[in-house]
Amino acid sequence: APVVASAWGKQLPLDSADDPRLKEFVRTFAQGPQTPEPGAPCTGGAGEPVG
């Protein structure tokens, strides 16, 4: 299924989550310089996860 990886203004459209570019995208942008609050936890959201 098609997916789009996104990280604070950066996007990478992919045909599937198996695309090897996804790992590189995450490696590059996880807590990267574009992150507005580096080191902040991803907790405290609203609602329940889906899927």
C-alpha atoms as a PDB file:
ATOM      1  CA  ALA A   1       0.000   0.000   0.000  1.00  0.00           C
ATOM      2  CA  PRO A   2       1.274   3.513  -0.688  1.00  0.00           C
ATOM      3  CA  VAL A   3       2.685   5.425   2.272  1.00  0.00           C
ATOM      4  CA  VAL A   4       4.151   8.870   2.862  1.00  0.00           C
ATOM      5  CA  ALA A   5       6.857   9.342   5.457  1.00  0.00           C
ATOM      6  CA  SER A   6       6.867  12.838   6.926  1.00  0.00           C
ATOM      7  CA  ALA A   7       9.050  14.708   9.381  1.00  0.00           C
ATOM      8  CA  TRP A   8       8.343  18.386  10.055  1.00  0.00           C
ATOM      9  CA  GLY A   9       8.110  19.638   6.499  1.00  0.00           C
ATOM     10  CA  LYS A  10       9.965  16.790   4.831  1.00  0.00           C
ATOM     11  CA  GLN A  11       8.010  14.144   2.929  1.00  0.00           C
ATOM     12  CA  LEU A  12       8.897  10.990   1.064  1.00  0.00           C
ATOM     13  CA  PRO A  13       6.137   9.262  -0.939  1.00  0.00           C
ATOM     14  CA  LEU A  14       6.705   5.511  -1.216  1.00  0.00           C
ATOM     15  CA  ASP A  15       4.910   2.639  -2.903  1.00  0.00           C
ATOM     16  CA  SER A  16       5.130   0.533   0.273  1.00  0.00           C
ATOM     17  CA  ALA A  17       6.615   0.462   3.758  1.00  0.00           C
ATOM     18  CA  ASP A  18       9.067  -2.163   2.486  1.00  0.00           C
ATOM     19  CA  ASP A  19      10.901   0.460   0.413  1.00  0.00           C
ATOM     20  CA  PRO A  20      14.491   0.627   1.745  1.00  0.00           C
ATOM     21  CA  ARG A  21      14.418   4.427   1.503  1.00  0.00           C
ATOM     22  CA  LEU A  22      12.045   4.489   4.487  1.00  0.00           C
ATOM     23  CA  LYS A  23      14.759   3.337   6.904  1.00  0.00           C
ATOM     24  CA  GLU A  24      17.142   5.969   5.564  1.00  0.00           C
ATOM     25  CA  PHE A  25      14.465   8.661   5.881  1.00  0.00           C
ATOM     26  CA  VAL A  26      13.840   7.742   9.508  1.00  0.00           C
ATOM     27  CA  ARG A  27      17.570   7.540  10.223  1.00  0.00           C
ATOM     28  CA  THR A  28      18.094  10.984   8.686  1.00  0.00           C
ATOM     29  CA  PHE A  29      15.156  12.870  10.148  1.00  0.00           C
ATOM     30  CA  ALA A  30      14.433  11.247  13.538  1.00  0.00           C
ATOM     31  CA  GLN A  31      15.309  13.993  16.015  1.00  0.00           C
ATOM     32  CA  GLY A  32      17.004  15.837  13.150  1.00  0.00           C
ATOM     33  CA  PRO A  33      17.757  19.544  12.877  1.00  0.00           C
ATOM     34  CA  GLN A  34      14.264  20.244  11.494  1.00  0.00           C
ATOM     35  CA  THR A  35      12.686  19.014  14.755  1.00  0.00           C
ATOM     36  CA  PRO A  36      11.077  21.960  16.571  1.00  0.00           C
ATOM     37  CA  GLU A  37      11.668  20.452  20.031  1.00  0.00           C
ATOM     38  CA  PRO A  38      14.666  18.103  19.853  1.00  0.00           C
ATOM     39  CA  GLY A  39      14.532  15.412  22.507  1.00  0.00           C
ATOM     40  CA  ALA A  40      10.875  16.032  23.370  1.00  0.00           C
ATOM     41  CA  PRO A  41       8.899  12.829  23.961  1.00  0.00           C
ATOM     42  CA  CYS A  42       6.082  11.833  21.628  1.00  0.00           C
ATOM     43  CA  THR A  43       3.610  11.384  24.461  1.00  0.00           C
ATOM     44  CA  GLY A  44       0.525  13.158  25.675  1.00  0.00           C
ATOM     45  CA  GLY A  45      -1.382  12.971  22.408  1.00  0.00           C
ATOM     46  CA  ALA A  46      -5.146  12.849  22.192  1.00  0.00           C
ATOM     47  CA  GLY A  47      -7.210   9.853  21.136  1.00  0.00           C
ATOM     48  CA  GLU A  48      -6.340   6.223  20.613  1.00  0.00           C
ATOM     49  CA  PRO A  49      -3.975   4.734  18.019  1.00  0.00           C
ATOM     50  CA  VAL A  50      -5.690   3.210  15.005  1.00  0.00           C
ATOM     51  CA  GLY A  51      -4.601  -0.031  13.394  1.00  0.00           C
END
